[in-house]
Amino acid sequence: MKKTLPVLLSLLGVALFTFIAAKAGIHPVMEALSKVGVGGFLLLAACQLLIDMGLGVAWHAAVPLLSVRRLMGARLVRDSAGACLPFSQLGGMVIGVRATLAGVDPRTVKGEELHWPEGVAANLVDITTEVLGQIAFVLIALLCLIGHHGASRFVWPLIGGMVLLSLGIAGFIWTQQRGGVMVRKAAAFLGKHIAAEWRDSLIGNTETFQLRLESLWSRPDRISLGAFCHLLCWMGSAAMTWLALQLLGAHVGFFSSVAIEGVVCGIMSAGFLVPGALGVQEAAYVALGMIFGIDAEISLSLSLLRRGRDILIGIPVLLVWQIVEMRRLRHAPPAEASKSTPAPSPASARKTVIPPAVTALAGNIKKEATSRDGKKTEDTPFATAPRVL
């Protein structure tokens, strides 16, 4: 069931995307995209890179122990994996933890190499602060949406969803701060279903992991700053949506773009299990566009621009990350087993080794025989053996 659910959701997303594309028509969509041009598309990609840099700064605001450069790179890898690979957002988060630990950076915790407790704790705090900023952004979007004809179909469901999300994130924060017992139980449960070397590392570092979380949450000013920076990045995404709509020929106000982007992000968060939010994103843009008088082909073009922008940025980022991972594995220190003394070959194992005590005894016998007979015997231990009387 765990393997079939993502496949089923992907198929439903493809079916929904195909239906929306068929309703909008291919030719109108291509005409709308032609208005943007290559220059406009590259401008949108450059704006997204600026927002990605801002996301790294927001992460550093909440997790100051790690450098901005490391966190920018890890954030790019995490978002690129979620957008370009056939994973849900959870899969992108797992890859983001790995990217946080990769590379050589002198500004690490206590000058030492990072391990999974630091990487997981840093990603959990960043995800939490991002959700806090997203809740504020969606509430602002709902305020911008109120008063428009047909907006009631989105307002109350989103308000209910935000209330549930707020309760969930409050419990998530409490678990990170004071859930040491729960973390140990979860580690013990997971340890029964993973490899032995991973199990030892997981169970043996739960205390360190909890200490990292508690140290990060002990600075509420940093957490608040990170959430505020994430809110600014969400507003930047709304500004980029406004720019894309202008390039597509739909003249809407900035606050309308905030409403569209905020509600779309809320809907996509609800469908986080769908890989790449395929179909969910397109349906949300088309439905929100109808409220603001935007044609379906323009709304679908807006969604396609977003996907194309993510692919243009994501594919090179993932390729660079793979190169960095290969170089890291190539320059990794050799295993301890290779440093041990090599085992003797079969040929050397067959050689007879004379113990030192036997050699010394043979020398004494040879000296005794020489002094008794007055002449030197043969220089072999067996020639000097005493005769049996």
Protein backbone atom coordinates (compact mmCIF):
# COMPACT_ATOMS: atom_id res chain seq x y z
CA MET A 1 0.00 0.00 0.00
CA LYS A 2 2.89 2.36 0.79
CA LYS A 3 4.31 1.90 -2.70
CA THR A 4 1.04 2.02 -4.60
CA LEU A 5 -0.27 5.23 -3.00
CA PRO A 6 2.28 7.58 -4.65
CA VAL A 7 1.74 5.83 -7.99
CA LEU A 8 -2.02 6.18 -7.67
CA LEU A 9 -1.76 9.85 -6.73
CA SER A 10 0.60 10.45 -9.65
CA LEU A 11 -1.85 8.85 -12.08
CA LEU A 12 -4.69 10.96 -10.71
CA GLY A 13 -2.53 14.06 -11.05
CA VAL A 14 -1.69 13.22 -14.66
CA ALA A 15 -5.37 12.66 -15.43
CA LEU A 16 -6.31 15.99 -13.83
CA PHE A 17 -3.54 17.81 -15.70
CA THR A 18 -4.62 16.25 -19.02
CA PHE A 19 -8.23 17.24 -18.42
CA ILE A 20 -7.32 20.87 -17.63
CA ALA A 21 -5.00 21.08 -20.64
CA ALA A 22 -7.70 19.68 -22.93
CA LYS A 23 -10.26 22.19 -21.62
CA ALA A 24 -7.91 25.14 -22.05
CA GLY A 25 -6.61 24.06 -25.45
CA ILE A 26 -3.01 23.65 -26.57
CA HIS A 27 -2.93 26.49 -29.10
CA PRO A 28 -4.22 29.23 -26.73
CA VAL A 29 -1.70 28.11 -24.14
CA MET A 30 1.16 28.25 -26.66
CA GLU A 31 0.06 31.71 -27.78
CA ALA A 32 0.05 32.92 -24.18
CA LEU A 33 3.50 31.48 -23.54
CA SER A 34 4.85 33.09 -26.72
CA LYS A 35 4.08 36.51 -25.20
CA VAL A 36 6.57 35.84 -22.43
CA GLY A 37 9.44 34.89 -24.71
CA VAL A 38 12.85 33.59 -23.76
CA GLY A 39 13.87 36.86 -22.12
CA GLY A 40 10.80 36.96 -19.88
CA PHE A 41 11.27 33.31 -18.92
CA LEU A 42 14.91 33.88 -17.97
CA LEU A 43 13.84 36.95 -15.97
CA LEU A 44 11.42 34.80 -13.97
CA ALA A 45 14.15 32.21 -13.38
CA ALA A 46 16.51 34.93 -12.13
CA CYS A 47 13.82 36.20 -9.75
CA GLN A 48 13.35 32.68 -8.43
CA LEU A 49 17.08 32.38 -7.78
CA LEU A 50 16.92 35.56 -5.73
CA ILE A 51 14.06 34.09 -3.70
CA ASP A 52 16.06 30.88 -3.21
CA MET A 53 18.93 32.93 -1.84
CA GLY A 54 16.45 34.62 0.48
CA LEU A 55 15.29 31.21 1.68
CA GLY A 56 18.88 30.35 2.58
CA VAL A 57 19.13 33.61 4.54
CA ALA A 58 15.85 32.79 6.32
CA TRP A 59 17.24 29.37 7.23
CA HIS A 60 20.43 30.93 8.56
CA ALA A 61 18.38 33.37 10.64
CA ALA A 62 16.87 30.43 12.55
CA VAL A 63 19.98 28.19 12.47
CA PRO A 64 22.97 30.53 12.83
CA LEU A 65 25.39 27.66 13.59
CA LEU A 66 25.63 26.82 9.88
CA SER A 67 26.95 29.12 7.18
CA VAL A 68 24.67 30.88 4.71
CA ARG A 69 26.46 29.28 1.75
CA ARG A 70 25.88 25.76 3.02
CA LEU A 71 22.21 26.45 3.77
CA MET A 72 21.59 28.10 0.39
CA GLY A 73 22.98 25.07 -1.38
CA ALA A 74 21.02 22.63 0.77
CA ARG A 75 17.82 24.57 0.22
CA LEU A 76 18.35 24.57 -3.55
CA VAL A 77 18.90 20.81 -3.53
CA ARG A 78 15.84 20.20 -1.34
CA ASP A 79 13.52 22.26 -3.53
CA SER A 80 14.99 20.89 -6.76
CA ALA A 81 14.49 17.30 -5.61
CA GLY A 82 10.87 18.01 -4.70
CA ALA A 83 10.19 19.76 -8.02
CA CYS A 84 12.13 17.62 -10.52
CA LEU A 85 12.25 14.11 -9.06
CA PRO A 86 9.21 11.80 -8.81
CA PHE A 87 9.03 12.22 -5.05
CA SER A 88 6.59 13.88 -2.74
CA GLN A 89 7.75 16.84 -0.65
CA LEU A 90 8.79 14.36 2.06
CA GLY A 91 11.31 12.79 -0.32
CA GLY A 92 12.77 16.21 -1.06
CA MET A 93 13.18 16.83 2.66
CA VAL A 94 15.15 13.61 3.10
CA ILE A 95 17.48 14.60 0.26
CA GLY A 96 17.76 18.05 1.83
CA VAL A 97 19.13 16.49 5.03
CA ARG A 98 21.78 14.70 3.00
CA ALA A 99 22.66 17.93 1.17
CA THR A 100 22.99 19.74 4.50
CA LEU A 101 25.64 17.24 5.61
CA ALA A 102 27.55 17.19 2.31
CA GLY A 103 30.61 19.23 1.49
CA VAL A 104 33.41 20.71 3.52
CA ASP A 105 32.63 23.87 5.45
CA PRO A 106 34.81 25.27 8.24
CA ARG A 107 31.81 26.94 9.88
CA THR A 108 30.18 23.87 11.33
CA VAL A 109 29.08 22.95 14.82
CA LYS A 110 32.16 23.33 17.09
CA GLY A 111 34.41 23.11 14.00
CA GLU A 112 33.61 19.42 13.50
CA GLU A 113 32.08 17.57 10.60
CA LEU A 114 28.30 17.52 10.59
CA HIS A 115 26.38 14.34 11.33
CA TRP A 116 22.74 13.38 11.04
CA PRO A 117 21.59 14.91 14.38
CA GLU A 118 22.69 18.38 13.27
CA GLY A 119 21.34 17.94 9.72
CA VAL A 120 17.92 16.66 10.75
CA ALA A 121 17.54 19.26 13.51
CA ALA A 122 18.46 22.10 11.14
CA ASN A 123 15.97 20.92 8.50
CA LEU A 124 13.17 20.43 11.01
CA VAL A 125 13.58 23.94 12.37
CA ASP A 126 13.70 25.43 8.87
CA ILE A 127 10.57 23.57 7.79
CA THR A 128 8.78 24.71 10.95
CA THR A 129 9.69 28.36 10.47
CA GLU A 130 8.68 28.14 6.82
CA VAL A 131 5.26 26.78 7.75
CA LEU A 132 4.85 29.57 10.30
CA GLY A 133 5.60 32.13 7.61
CA GLN A 134 3.28 30.33 5.21
CA ILE A 135 0.37 30.43 7.68
CA ALA A 136 0.78 34.20 7.99
CA PHE A 137 1.03 34.51 4.20
CA VAL A 138 -2.12 32.47 3.56
CA LEU A 139 -4.03 34.56 6.12
CA ILE A 140 -2.92 37.72 4.29
CA ALA A 141 -4.03 36.11 1.02
CA LEU A 142 -7.44 35.33 2.49
CA LEU A 143 -7.84 38.98 3.49
CA CYS A 144 -7.04 39.98 -0.10
CA LEU A 145 -9.51 37.37 -1.38
CA ILE A 146 -12.48 38.46 0.72
CA GLY A 147 -15.01 40.49 -1.26
CA HIS A 148 -14.43 38.90 -4.65
CA HIS A 149 -17.31 37.11 -6.31
CA GLY A 150 -17.10 33.35 -5.84
CA ALA A 151 -14.37 33.59 -3.20
CA SER A 152 -16.52 31.99 -0.51
CA ARG A 153 -15.81 28.54 -1.94
CA PHE A 154 -12.17 28.95 -0.92
CA VAL A 155 -12.35 31.18 2.16
CA TRP A 156 -13.97 28.90 4.71
CA PRO A 157 -12.20 25.68 3.67
CA LEU A 158 -8.86 27.49 3.82
CA ILE A 159 -9.67 29.01 7.20
CA GLY A 160 -10.48 25.56 8.53
CA GLY A 161 -7.32 24.17 6.98
CA MET A 162 -5.20 26.94 8.50
CA VAL A 163 -6.70 26.28 11.94
CA LEU A 164 -5.85 22.59 11.69
CA LEU A 165 -2.41 23.40 10.33
CA SER A 166 -1.79 25.83 13.20
CA LEU A 167 -2.76 23.19 15.75
CA GLY A 168 -0.56 20.66 14.02
CA ILE A 169 2.45 22.95 13.87
CA ALA A 170 1.96 23.85 17.55
CA GLY A 171 2.11 20.15 18.45
CA PHE A 172 5.09 19.72 16.14
CA ILE A 173 6.94 22.54 17.90
CA TRP A 174 6.15 21.09 21.33
CA THR A 175 7.44 17.69 20.21
CA GLN A 176 10.71 19.24 19.04
CA GLN A 177 11.19 21.15 22.29
CA ARG A 178 10.12 18.63 24.92
CA GLY A 179 9.56 15.38 23.11
CA GLY A 180 12.79 13.67 24.11
CA VAL A 181 10.99 10.54 25.30
CA MET A 182 8.96 10.40 22.10
CA VAL A 183 12.10 10.81 20.01
CA ARG A 184 13.80 7.93 21.82
CA LYS A 185 10.76 5.70 21.38
CA ALA A 186 10.57 6.56 17.69
CA ALA A 187 14.29 5.83 17.29
CA ALA A 188 13.90 2.49 19.06
CA PHE A 189 10.95 1.58 16.84
CA LEU A 190 12.76 2.57 13.65
CA GLY A 191 15.88 0.77 14.81
CA LYS A 192 14.06 -2.56 14.54
CA HIS A 193 13.47 -2.09 10.82
CA ILE A 194 16.77 -0.71 9.51
CA ALA A 195 20.30 -2.00 9.03
CA ALA A 196 22.45 -2.71 12.07
CA GLU A 197 25.02 0.05 11.44
CA TRP A 198 22.23 2.60 10.90
CA ARG A 199 20.40 1.34 13.98
CA ASP A 200 23.44 1.88 16.21
CA SER A 201 23.95 5.38 14.80
CA LEU A 202 20.27 6.26 15.19
CA ILE A 203 19.83 5.03 18.76
CA GLY A 204 23.25 6.20 19.91
CA ASN A 205 22.70 9.79 18.76
CA THR A 206 19.14 10.47 19.90
CA GLU A 207 20.38 12.42 22.91
CA THR A 208 22.60 14.58 20.70
CA PHE A 209 19.72 15.13 18.31
CA GLN A 210 17.42 16.27 21.11
CA LEU A 211 20.11 18.59 22.48
CA ARG A 212 20.53 20.17 19.04
CA LEU A 213 16.79 20.80 18.79
CA GLU A 214 16.57 22.26 22.27
CA SER A 215 19.52 24.57 21.64
CA LEU A 216 17.90 25.89 18.45
CA TRP A 217 14.51 26.40 20.08
CA SER A 218 16.10 28.15 23.07
CA ARG A 219 16.39 31.26 20.89
CA PRO A 220 12.79 32.39 20.17
CA ASP A 221 14.10 35.62 18.68
CA ARG A 222 15.97 33.61 16.04
CA ILE A 223 12.92 31.47 15.33
CA SER A 224 10.74 34.57 14.93
CA LEU A 225 13.30 36.18 12.62
CA GLY A 226 13.43 33.04 10.48
CA ALA A 227 9.62 32.93 10.19
CA PHE A 228 9.52 36.63 9.26
CA CYS A 229 12.18 36.15 6.58
CA HIS A 230 10.16 33.24 5.18
CA LEU A 231 7.09 35.50 5.07
CA LEU A 232 9.08 38.03 3.03
CA CYS A 233 10.10 35.23 0.64
CA TRP A 234 6.43 34.23 0.26
CA MET A 235 5.59 37.83 -0.57
CA GLY A 236 8.41 37.74 -3.12
CA SER A 237 6.76 34.70 -4.72
CA ALA A 238 3.53 36.69 -4.98
CA ALA A 239 5.44 39.53 -6.66
CA MET A 240 6.86 37.03 -9.15
CA THR A 241 3.34 35.73 -9.85
CA TRP A 242 2.26 39.31 -10.54
CA LEU A 243 5.19 39.75 -12.95
CA ALA A 244 4.36 36.50 -14.76
CA LEU A 245 0.73 37.53 -15.17
CA GLN A 246 1.82 40.88 -16.61
CA LEU A 247 4.04 39.11 -19.12
CA LEU A 248 1.17 36.80 -20.07
CA GLY A 249 -1.11 39.77 -20.75
CA ALA A 250 -3.35 39.52 -17.66
CA HIS A 251 -3.38 42.89 -15.94
CA VAL A 252 -4.21 42.19 -12.30
CA GLY A 253 -3.21 44.08 -9.18
CA PHE A 254 -0.51 43.07 -6.75
CA PHE A 255 -2.94 42.21 -3.95
CA SER A 256 -4.87 39.97 -6.35
CA SER A 257 -1.58 38.19 -7.08
CA VAL A 258 -1.02 37.79 -3.34
CA ALA A 259 -4.47 36.20 -3.04
CA ILE A 260 -3.81 33.84 -5.95
CA GLU A 261 -0.36 32.77 -4.79
CA GLY A 262 -1.37 32.39 -1.15
CA VAL A 263 -4.42 30.26 -1.82
CA VAL A 264 -2.54 28.15 -4.37
CA CYS A 265 0.25 27.50 -1.83
CA GLY A 266 -2.33 26.52 0.77
CA ILE A 267 -3.97 24.06 -1.63
CA MET A 268 -0.60 22.62 -2.66
CA SER A 269 0.35 22.13 0.98
CA ALA A 270 -2.81 20.09 1.47
CA GLY A 271 -1.80 17.89 -1.50
CA PHE A 272 1.83 17.45 -0.45
CA LEU A 273 1.69 13.68 -1.01
CA VAL A 274 1.17 14.13 -4.76
CA PRO A 275 4.62 14.01 -6.43
CA GLY A 276 5.38 17.44 -7.83
CA ALA A 277 1.81 18.57 -7.02
CA LEU A 278 1.01 17.43 -10.57
CA GLY A 279 -2.53 18.45 -11.48
CA VAL A 280 -3.13 20.05 -8.07
CA GLN A 281 -1.15 23.16 -8.96
CA GLU A 282 -2.84 23.55 -12.34
CA ALA A 283 -6.34 23.09 -10.91
CA ALA A 284 -5.64 25.65 -8.16
CA TYR A 285 -4.36 28.28 -10.61
CA VAL A 286 -7.29 27.81 -12.99
CA ALA A 287 -9.88 27.95 -10.18
CA LEU A 288 -8.33 31.07 -8.62
CA GLY A 289 -7.97 32.70 -12.02
CA MET A 290 -11.70 32.40 -12.66
CA ILE A 291 -12.42 34.50 -9.55
CA PHE A 292 -10.21 37.34 -10.84
CA GLY A 293 -11.37 37.11 -14.44
CA ILE A 294 -8.26 35.38 -15.78
CA ASP A 295 -8.77 33.04 -18.71
CA ALA A 296 -8.05 29.35 -18.21
CA GLU A 297 -5.29 29.31 -20.83
CA ILE A 298 -3.44 32.13 -19.02
CA SER A 299 -3.79 30.41 -15.65
CA LEU A 300 -2.52 27.15 -17.12
CA SER A 301 0.34 29.03 -18.79
CA LEU A 302 1.22 30.54 -15.40
CA SER A 303 1.45 27.06 -13.91
CA LEU A 304 3.57 25.83 -16.83
CA LEU A 305 5.91 28.80 -16.45
CA ARG A 306 6.35 27.89 -12.82
CA ARG A 307 7.15 24.28 -13.65
CA GLY A 308 9.53 25.26 -16.45
CA ARG A 309 11.30 27.69 -14.16
CA ASP A 310 11.71 25.01 -11.48
CA ILE A 311 13.10 22.53 -14.02
CA LEU A 312 15.50 25.10 -15.49
CA ILE A 313 16.95 25.69 -12.03
CA GLY A 314 16.48 22.23 -10.55
CA ILE A 315 18.19 20.02 -13.15
CA PRO A 316 21.58 21.84 -13.04
CA VAL A 317 21.40 21.99 -9.23
CA LEU A 318 20.85 18.23 -8.98
CA LEU A 319 23.66 17.54 -11.46
CA VAL A 320 26.09 19.71 -9.51
CA TRP A 321 25.00 18.02 -6.30
CA GLN A 322 25.70 14.60 -7.81
CA ILE A 323 29.18 15.74 -8.87
CA VAL A 324 29.86 17.01 -5.35
CA GLU A 325 28.64 13.72 -3.88
CA MET A 326 30.86 11.67 -6.21
CA ARG A 327 33.91 13.79 -5.36
CA ARG A 328 33.10 13.47 -1.68
CA LEU A 329 32.92 9.68 -1.93
CA ARG A 330 36.10 9.55 -4.02
CA HIS A 331 38.08 11.55 -1.47
CA ALA A 332 36.57 9.82 1.54
CA PRO A 333 39.14 8.32 3.97
CA PRO A 334 39.76 4.58 3.48
CA ALA A 335 38.05 2.10 5.72
CA GLU A 336 39.71 0.95 8.87
CA ALA A 337 39.92 -2.56 7.47
CA SER A 338 42.26 -1.44 4.73
CA LYS A 339 44.65 -0.03 7.32
CA SER A 340 45.10 -3.35 9.14
CA THR A 341 47.91 -5.78 8.41
CA PRO A 342 47.17 -7.89 5.34
CA ALA A 343 46.52 -11.55 5.87
CA PRO A 344 49.40 -13.91 4.94
CA SER A 345 49.30 -15.54 1.56
CA PRO A 346 48.76 -19.31 1.27
CA ALA A 347 52.38 -19.77 0.20
CA SER A 348 53.82 -17.96 3.19
CA ALA A 349 51.40 -19.71 5.49
CA ARG A 350 52.92 -23.07 4.47
CA LYS A 351 56.46 -22.03 5.51
CA THR A 352 57.74 -23.69 8.70
CA VAL A 353 58.67 -21.15 11.33
CA ILE A 354 61.20 -22.38 13.94
CA PRO A 355 60.42 -21.00 17.38
CA PRO A 356 63.23 -18.96 19.02
CA ALA A 357 63.50 -21.37 21.96
CA VAL A 358 64.23 -24.30 19.65
CA THR A 359 66.91 -22.29 17.82
CA ALA A 360 68.64 -21.33 21.08
CA LEU A 361 68.59 -24.96 22.30
CA ALA A 362 70.14 -26.13 19.06
CA GLY A 363 72.97 -23.56 19.40
CA ASN A 364 73.79 -24.70 22.91
CA ILE A 365 73.94 -28.33 21.83
CA LYS A 366 76.24 -27.42 18.95
CA LYS A 367 78.67 -25.57 21.27
CA GLU A 368 78.71 -28.47 23.72
CA ALA A 369 79.50 -30.98 21.01
CA THR A 370 82.36 -28.85 19.64
CA SER A 371 84.06 -28.47 23.01
CA ARG A 372 83.79 -32.23 23.73
CA ASP A 373 85.06 -33.61 20.43
CA GLY A 374 87.63 -30.85 19.85
CA LYS A 375 86.39 -30.12 16.38
CA LYS A 376 83.62 -28.20 14.70
CA THR A 377 80.58 -30.12 13.63
CA GLU A 378 78.29 -29.39 10.68
CA ASP A 379 76.41 -26.11 10.86
CA THR A 380 72.99 -27.64 11.16
CA PRO A 381 70.92 -28.09 14.27
CA PHE A 382 70.22 -31.71 13.44
CA ALA A 383 73.98 -32.58 13.20
CA THR A 384 74.53 -31.50 16.77
CA ALA A 385 71.78 -33.62 18.26
CA PRO A 386 73.02 -35.76 21.19
CA ARG A 387 73.23 -39.50 20.85
CA VAL A 388 70.86 -41.60 22.87
CA LEU A 389 72.70 -43.89 25.34
